[in-house]
N, C-alpha and C. Protein backbone atom coordinates (compact mmCIF):
# COMPACT_ATOMS: atom_id res chain seq x y z
N LEU A 1 96.02 124.56 113.84
CA LEU A 1 96.46 125.60 112.92
C LEU A 1 95.91 126.96 113.35
N TRP A 2 94.63 127.01 113.69
CA TRP A 2 94.04 128.30 114.09
C TRP A 2 94.67 128.81 115.37
N GLN A 3 95.04 127.89 116.25
CA GLN A 3 95.70 128.28 117.49
C GLN A 3 97.06 128.92 117.17
N ARG A 4 97.79 128.34 116.23
CA ARG A 4 99.08 128.90 115.84
C ARG A 4 98.92 130.29 115.23
N ILE A 5 97.87 130.47 114.41
CA ILE A 5 97.63 131.78 113.79
C ILE A 5 97.33 132.81 114.87
N GLY A 6 96.54 132.43 115.89
CA GLY A 6 96.24 133.35 116.99
C GLY A 6 97.50 133.75 117.73
N VAL A 7 98.38 132.80 117.99
CA VAL A 7 99.65 133.10 118.66
C VAL A 7 100.49 134.02 117.78
N LEU A 8 100.51 133.75 116.48
CA LEU A 8 101.27 134.57 115.55
C LEU A 8 100.74 136.01 115.55
N ARG A 9 99.41 136.18 115.54
CA ARG A 9 98.84 137.53 115.58
C ARG A 9 99.25 138.27 116.84
N GLN A 10 99.22 137.58 117.98
CA GLN A 10 99.64 138.21 119.23
C GLN A 10 101.11 138.58 119.16
N PHE A 11 101.94 137.71 118.62
CA PHE A 11 103.37 137.96 118.51
C PHE A 11 103.63 139.18 117.64
N VAL A 12 102.99 139.23 116.47
CA VAL A 12 103.21 140.34 115.54
C VAL A 12 102.71 141.64 116.16
N ARG A 13 101.53 141.62 116.79
CA ARG A 13 100.98 142.82 117.41
C ARG A 13 101.91 143.31 118.51
N HIS A 14 102.40 142.40 119.34
CA HIS A 14 103.27 142.77 120.46
C HIS A 14 104.62 143.28 119.95
N GLU A 15 105.20 142.58 119.00
CA GLU A 15 106.54 142.92 118.55
C GLU A 15 106.59 144.12 117.62
N SER A 16 105.44 144.53 117.08
CA SER A 16 105.46 145.67 116.17
C SER A 16 105.12 146.97 116.88
N ASP A 17 105.02 146.93 118.22
CA ASP A 17 104.80 148.17 118.98
C ASP A 17 105.98 149.12 118.78
N THR A 18 105.71 150.40 118.91
CA THR A 18 106.76 151.40 118.75
C THR A 18 107.60 151.46 120.02
N VAL A 19 108.91 151.41 119.87
CA VAL A 19 109.84 151.55 120.98
C VAL A 19 110.60 152.84 120.72
N GLY A 20 110.24 153.90 121.46
CA GLY A 20 110.82 155.21 121.18
C GLY A 20 110.45 155.61 119.77
N SER A 21 111.45 155.92 118.96
CA SER A 21 111.18 156.26 117.56
C SER A 21 111.44 155.07 116.64
N LEU A 22 111.80 153.91 117.24
CA LEU A 22 112.12 152.72 116.45
C LEU A 22 110.91 151.81 116.35
N VAL A 23 110.54 151.42 115.16
CA VAL A 23 109.45 150.47 114.96
C VAL A 23 110.07 149.11 114.65
N LEU A 24 109.76 148.13 115.50
CA LEU A 24 110.26 146.77 115.27
C LEU A 24 109.40 146.10 114.23
N GLU A 25 110.05 145.43 113.29
CA GLU A 25 109.30 144.76 112.23
C GLU A 25 109.76 143.32 112.15
N ARG A 26 108.82 142.40 112.10
CA ARG A 26 109.12 140.98 111.99
C ARG A 26 108.79 140.49 110.60
N SER A 27 109.41 139.40 110.22
CA SER A 27 109.11 138.76 108.95
C SER A 27 109.05 137.26 109.19
N MET A 28 108.68 136.52 108.15
CA MET A 28 108.53 135.09 108.30
C MET A 28 109.08 134.37 107.08
N ASN A 29 109.78 133.28 107.33
CA ASN A 29 110.28 132.39 106.29
C ASN A 29 109.82 131.00 106.71
N ARG A 30 108.70 130.55 106.14
CA ARG A 30 108.12 129.28 106.56
C ARG A 30 107.60 128.51 105.35
N VAL A 31 107.88 127.22 105.34
CA VAL A 31 107.47 126.35 104.25
C VAL A 31 106.75 125.14 104.83
N GLN A 32 105.69 124.71 104.16
CA GLN A 32 104.99 123.48 104.52
C GLN A 32 104.90 122.63 103.26
N LEU A 33 105.37 121.40 103.34
CA LEU A 33 105.36 120.50 102.19
C LEU A 33 104.75 119.17 102.59
N LEU A 34 104.01 118.58 101.66
CA LEU A 34 103.46 117.24 101.83
C LEU A 34 103.82 116.46 100.58
N GLY A 35 104.61 115.42 100.74
CA GLY A 35 105.04 114.68 99.57
C GLY A 35 105.66 113.35 99.93
N ARG A 36 106.36 112.75 98.97
CA ARG A 36 106.99 111.45 99.17
C ARG A 36 108.50 111.59 99.09
N VAL A 37 109.16 110.81 99.94
CA VAL A 37 110.62 110.81 100.00
C VAL A 37 111.17 110.13 98.75
N GLY A 38 112.14 110.77 98.11
CA GLY A 38 112.68 110.25 96.85
C GLY A 38 113.88 109.35 97.02
N GLN A 39 114.58 109.45 98.15
CA GLN A 39 115.75 108.62 98.40
C GLN A 39 115.89 108.42 99.89
N ASP A 40 116.52 107.33 100.29
CA ASP A 40 116.81 107.15 101.72
C ASP A 40 117.71 108.28 102.18
N PRO A 41 117.45 108.83 103.36
CA PRO A 41 118.27 109.94 103.86
C PRO A 41 119.73 109.51 104.03
N ILE A 42 120.62 110.47 103.82
CA ILE A 42 122.05 110.26 104.07
C ILE A 42 122.50 111.28 105.11
N MET A 43 123.51 110.91 105.88
CA MET A 43 124.05 111.84 106.87
C MET A 43 125.44 112.24 106.42
N ARG A 44 125.69 113.56 106.46
CA ARG A 44 126.99 114.09 106.04
C ARG A 44 127.56 114.97 107.14
N GLN A 45 128.88 114.99 107.18
CA GLN A 45 129.57 115.90 108.09
C GLN A 45 130.71 116.53 107.29
N VAL A 46 130.74 117.87 107.28
CA VAL A 46 131.73 118.57 106.47
C VAL A 46 132.59 119.45 107.37
N ASP A 47 133.91 119.33 107.22
CA ASP A 47 134.88 120.22 107.89
C ASP A 47 134.64 120.37 109.39
N GLY A 48 134.38 119.29 110.09
CA GLY A 48 134.23 119.34 111.53
C GLY A 48 132.95 120.00 112.03
N LYS A 49 132.06 120.37 111.13
CA LYS A 49 130.79 120.97 111.54
C LYS A 49 129.84 119.88 112.01
N ASN A 50 128.72 120.27 112.61
CA ASN A 50 127.72 119.30 113.03
C ASN A 50 127.19 118.54 111.83
N PRO A 51 126.87 117.26 111.99
CA PRO A 51 126.33 116.49 110.87
C PRO A 51 124.96 117.01 110.43
N VAL A 52 124.59 116.67 109.21
CA VAL A 52 123.29 117.03 108.65
C VAL A 52 122.73 115.81 107.93
N THR A 53 121.43 115.59 108.07
CA THR A 53 120.76 114.53 107.32
C THR A 53 120.06 115.17 106.13
N ILE A 54 120.24 114.58 104.96
CA ILE A 54 119.72 115.15 103.71
C ILE A 54 118.89 114.10 102.99
N PHE A 55 117.75 114.55 102.44
CA PHE A 55 116.95 113.69 101.57
C PHE A 55 116.15 114.56 100.61
N SER A 56 115.56 113.94 99.60
CA SER A 56 114.74 114.68 98.65
C SER A 56 113.27 114.34 98.90
N LEU A 57 112.42 115.32 98.62
CA LEU A 57 110.98 115.15 98.79
C LEU A 57 110.29 115.62 97.50
N ALA A 58 109.40 114.80 96.97
CA ALA A 58 108.68 115.14 95.75
C ALA A 58 107.28 115.61 96.10
N THR A 59 106.88 116.74 95.52
CA THR A 59 105.50 117.20 95.62
C THR A 59 104.92 117.23 94.21
N ASN A 60 103.64 116.93 94.09
CA ASN A 60 102.98 116.87 92.79
C ASN A 60 101.87 117.90 92.70
N GLU A 61 101.77 118.52 91.55
CA GLU A 61 100.69 119.46 91.26
C GLU A 61 99.94 118.92 90.05
N MET A 62 98.63 118.78 90.16
CA MET A 62 97.84 118.25 89.05
C MET A 62 96.77 119.26 88.65
N TRP A 63 96.49 119.32 87.35
CA TRP A 63 95.43 120.19 86.86
C TRP A 63 94.86 119.62 85.57
N ARG A 64 93.66 120.03 85.28
CA ARG A 64 92.97 119.58 84.08
C ARG A 64 93.12 120.65 83.00
N THR A 65 93.48 120.21 81.80
CA THR A 65 93.62 121.13 80.67
C THR A 65 92.57 120.79 79.63
N GLY A 66 92.34 121.68 78.74
CA GLY A 66 91.39 121.39 77.67
C GLY A 66 90.15 122.25 77.74
N GLU A 67 88.99 121.63 77.44
CA GLU A 67 87.73 122.34 77.29
C GLU A 67 87.43 123.28 78.46
N SER A 68 87.33 122.71 79.64
CA SER A 68 86.99 123.52 80.81
C SER A 68 87.59 122.85 82.04
N GLU A 69 88.13 123.68 82.93
CA GLU A 69 88.74 123.12 84.12
C GLU A 69 87.71 122.48 85.05
N THR A 70 86.43 122.88 84.94
CA THR A 70 85.40 122.34 85.82
C THR A 70 84.69 121.14 85.21
N SER A 71 84.79 120.95 83.90
CA SER A 71 84.10 119.82 83.28
C SER A 71 84.98 118.57 83.37
N GLN A 72 84.41 117.44 82.98
CA GLN A 72 85.14 116.17 83.01
C GLN A 72 86.03 116.00 81.78
N GLY A 73 85.88 116.87 80.78
CA GLY A 73 86.68 116.75 79.55
C GLY A 73 88.09 117.26 79.75
N GLY A 74 88.92 117.01 78.78
CA GLY A 74 90.29 117.51 78.84
C GLY A 74 91.25 116.49 79.42
N ASP A 75 92.50 116.84 79.35
CA ASP A 75 93.56 115.96 79.85
C ASP A 75 94.01 116.41 81.23
N ILE A 76 94.54 115.47 81.99
CA ILE A 76 95.10 115.80 83.29
C ILE A 76 96.60 115.94 83.13
N SER A 77 97.11 117.09 83.57
CA SER A 77 98.55 117.33 83.53
C SER A 77 99.10 117.29 84.95
N GLN A 78 100.37 116.93 85.05
CA GLN A 78 100.98 116.83 86.37
C GLN A 78 102.41 117.36 86.31
N LYS A 79 102.80 118.04 87.37
CA LYS A 79 104.17 118.53 87.49
C LYS A 79 104.71 118.06 88.84
N THR A 80 105.87 117.44 88.83
CA THR A 80 106.53 117.01 90.05
C THR A 80 107.67 117.97 90.34
N THR A 81 107.73 118.45 91.57
CA THR A 81 108.81 119.33 92.01
C THR A 81 109.60 118.61 93.09
N TRP A 82 110.92 118.61 92.95
CA TRP A 82 111.80 117.97 93.93
C TRP A 82 112.38 119.02 94.84
N HIS A 83 112.36 118.73 96.13
CA HIS A 83 112.87 119.64 97.15
C HIS A 83 114.00 118.94 97.90
N ARG A 84 115.08 119.66 98.13
CA ARG A 84 116.19 119.14 98.93
C ARG A 84 115.92 119.53 100.38
N ILE A 85 115.82 118.53 101.25
CA ILE A 85 115.51 118.75 102.66
C ILE A 85 116.77 118.49 103.48
N SER A 86 117.13 119.42 104.36
CA SER A 86 118.27 119.26 105.27
C SER A 86 117.76 119.33 106.70
N VAL A 87 118.24 118.42 107.54
CA VAL A 87 117.82 118.36 108.94
C VAL A 87 119.06 118.51 109.80
N PHE A 88 119.14 119.62 110.54
CA PHE A 88 120.29 119.92 111.38
C PHE A 88 120.05 119.63 112.86
N ARG A 89 118.80 119.79 113.33
CA ARG A 89 118.50 119.60 114.76
C ARG A 89 118.86 118.18 115.19
N PRO A 90 119.71 118.02 116.24
CA PRO A 90 120.24 116.70 116.60
C PRO A 90 119.21 115.59 116.74
N GLY A 91 118.18 115.74 117.54
CA GLY A 91 117.20 114.66 117.71
C GLY A 91 116.46 114.35 116.43
N LEU A 92 116.00 115.38 115.75
CA LEU A 92 115.25 115.21 114.50
C LEU A 92 116.15 114.64 113.41
N ARG A 93 117.38 115.10 113.37
CA ARG A 93 118.35 114.62 112.37
C ARG A 93 118.56 113.11 112.49
N ASP A 94 118.73 112.62 113.72
CA ASP A 94 118.99 111.20 113.94
C ASP A 94 117.77 110.34 113.65
N VAL A 95 116.59 110.79 114.07
CA VAL A 95 115.34 110.06 113.80
C VAL A 95 115.11 109.98 112.29
N THR A 96 115.35 111.10 111.61
CA THR A 96 115.18 111.12 110.15
C THR A 96 116.09 110.09 109.49
N TYR A 97 117.35 110.08 109.89
CA TYR A 97 118.32 109.16 109.29
C TYR A 97 117.95 107.70 109.55
N GLN A 98 117.47 107.40 110.75
CA GLN A 98 117.18 106.01 111.12
C GLN A 98 115.87 105.49 110.56
N TYR A 99 114.83 106.32 110.53
CA TYR A 99 113.49 105.80 110.27
C TYR A 99 112.83 106.23 108.95
N VAL A 100 113.24 107.33 108.36
CA VAL A 100 112.61 107.77 107.11
C VAL A 100 113.20 106.97 105.96
N LYS A 101 112.34 106.46 105.11
CA LYS A 101 112.79 105.63 103.97
C LYS A 101 112.18 106.14 102.67
N ARG A 102 112.81 105.76 101.59
CA ARG A 102 112.33 106.11 100.25
C ARG A 102 110.87 105.69 100.11
N GLY A 103 110.03 106.58 99.55
CA GLY A 103 108.63 106.28 99.32
C GLY A 103 107.72 106.69 100.46
N ALA A 104 108.29 107.01 101.64
CA ALA A 104 107.46 107.42 102.78
C ALA A 104 106.77 108.74 102.47
N ARG A 105 105.55 108.87 102.97
CA ARG A 105 104.79 110.11 102.80
C ARG A 105 105.04 110.97 104.02
N LEU A 106 105.56 112.20 103.80
CA LEU A 106 105.93 113.08 104.90
C LEU A 106 105.30 114.45 104.76
N TYR A 107 104.97 115.02 105.91
CA TYR A 107 104.61 116.43 106.03
C TYR A 107 105.83 117.09 106.67
N VAL A 108 106.38 118.11 106.03
CA VAL A 108 107.60 118.78 106.51
C VAL A 108 107.32 120.26 106.69
N GLU A 109 107.74 120.80 107.84
CA GLU A 109 107.72 122.24 108.06
C GLU A 109 109.16 122.70 108.23
N GLY A 110 109.44 123.87 107.69
CA GLY A 110 110.78 124.41 107.82
C GLY A 110 110.88 125.77 107.19
N LYS A 111 112.09 126.12 106.77
CA LYS A 111 112.32 127.42 106.13
C LYS A 111 113.16 127.22 104.87
N ILE A 112 113.07 128.17 103.96
CA ILE A 112 113.83 128.13 102.71
C ILE A 112 115.20 128.77 102.95
N ASP A 113 116.23 128.12 102.42
CA ASP A 113 117.57 128.66 102.49
C ASP A 113 118.16 128.68 101.09
N TYR A 114 118.65 129.83 100.67
CA TYR A 114 119.29 129.96 99.37
C TYR A 114 120.79 130.06 99.59
N GLY A 115 121.55 129.28 98.87
CA GLY A 115 123.00 129.31 99.05
C GLY A 115 123.73 129.08 97.75
N GLU A 116 125.04 129.16 97.82
CA GLU A 116 125.90 128.92 96.67
C GLU A 116 126.97 127.91 97.06
N TYR A 117 127.44 127.18 96.07
CA TYR A 117 128.56 126.27 96.27
C TYR A 117 129.33 126.17 94.97
N THR A 118 130.54 125.64 95.05
CA THR A 118 131.37 125.43 93.87
C THR A 118 131.43 123.94 93.60
N ASP A 119 131.05 123.54 92.38
CA ASP A 119 131.02 122.11 92.05
C ASP A 119 132.43 121.58 91.74
N LYS A 120 132.50 120.30 91.36
CA LYS A 120 133.78 119.64 91.09
C LYS A 120 134.56 120.32 89.97
N ASN A 121 133.82 120.94 89.03
CA ASN A 121 134.46 121.59 87.89
C ASN A 121 134.75 123.06 88.16
N ASN A 122 134.69 123.46 89.43
CA ASN A 122 134.95 124.83 89.85
C ASN A 122 133.95 125.84 89.28
N VAL A 123 132.71 125.39 89.09
CA VAL A 123 131.65 126.25 88.61
C VAL A 123 130.75 126.61 89.79
N ARG A 124 130.45 127.90 89.95
CA ARG A 124 129.57 128.33 91.03
C ARG A 124 128.13 127.96 90.70
N ARG A 125 127.48 127.35 91.67
CA ARG A 125 126.09 126.92 91.51
C ARG A 125 125.25 127.49 92.64
N GLN A 126 123.96 127.65 92.36
CA GLN A 126 123.03 128.08 93.40
C GLN A 126 122.22 126.88 93.84
N ALA A 127 121.88 126.84 95.13
CA ALA A 127 121.11 125.72 95.67
C ALA A 127 120.02 126.26 96.58
N THR A 128 118.84 125.69 96.44
CA THR A 128 117.72 126.02 97.32
C THR A 128 117.48 124.80 98.20
N THR A 129 117.46 125.01 99.50
CA THR A 129 117.30 123.93 100.46
C THR A 129 116.20 124.28 101.44
N ILE A 130 115.43 123.28 101.84
CA ILE A 130 114.46 123.44 102.92
C ILE A 130 115.13 122.95 104.20
N ILE A 131 115.26 123.83 105.18
CA ILE A 131 115.81 123.46 106.48
C ILE A 131 114.64 123.00 107.35
N ALA A 132 114.55 121.70 107.60
CA ALA A 132 113.41 121.13 108.31
C ALA A 132 113.49 121.43 109.81
N ALA A 133 112.35 121.85 110.36
CA ALA A 133 112.23 122.06 111.80
C ALA A 133 111.32 121.03 112.43
N PHE A 134 110.50 120.39 111.59
CA PHE A 134 109.48 119.46 112.08
C PHE A 134 109.05 118.59 110.92
N PHE A 135 108.74 117.33 111.17
CA PHE A 135 108.10 116.51 110.15
C PHE A 135 107.21 115.48 110.82
N LEU A 136 106.29 114.99 110.02
CA LEU A 136 105.32 114.01 110.49
C LEU A 136 105.16 112.98 109.39
N SER A 137 105.33 111.72 109.73
CA SER A 137 105.14 110.63 108.77
C SER A 137 103.66 110.31 108.68
N LEU A 138 103.15 110.24 107.47
CA LEU A 138 101.71 109.97 107.28
C LEU A 138 101.47 108.61 106.66
């Protein structure tokens, strides 16, 4: 991780140099998730485009409520968040479809994608998807 941060610092420093009167600016869209797979992955192909493997990933957040967050008293609360994961890269897409199963614990790196679609009832909906670039089964 520290090695990646060092490379990122060099990249940002190099790419943000002034070129004439133009200043280049970089940004980052990166997500890291650790959770459990909620369903076996499915592969879809729409309108002749490249196939995509899709699955859901659950992450849990736990905290203590009540008297004091540092004491042993109080109740433990938990929130589960479901993430829609899409895998487009050919090698990763195929490995995901073949080997990832419901209940598997995965570490996923990727980026957030916000999009819209029209459902069966012709209602416009918004969808948030994580586009996976890398994952590791734990």
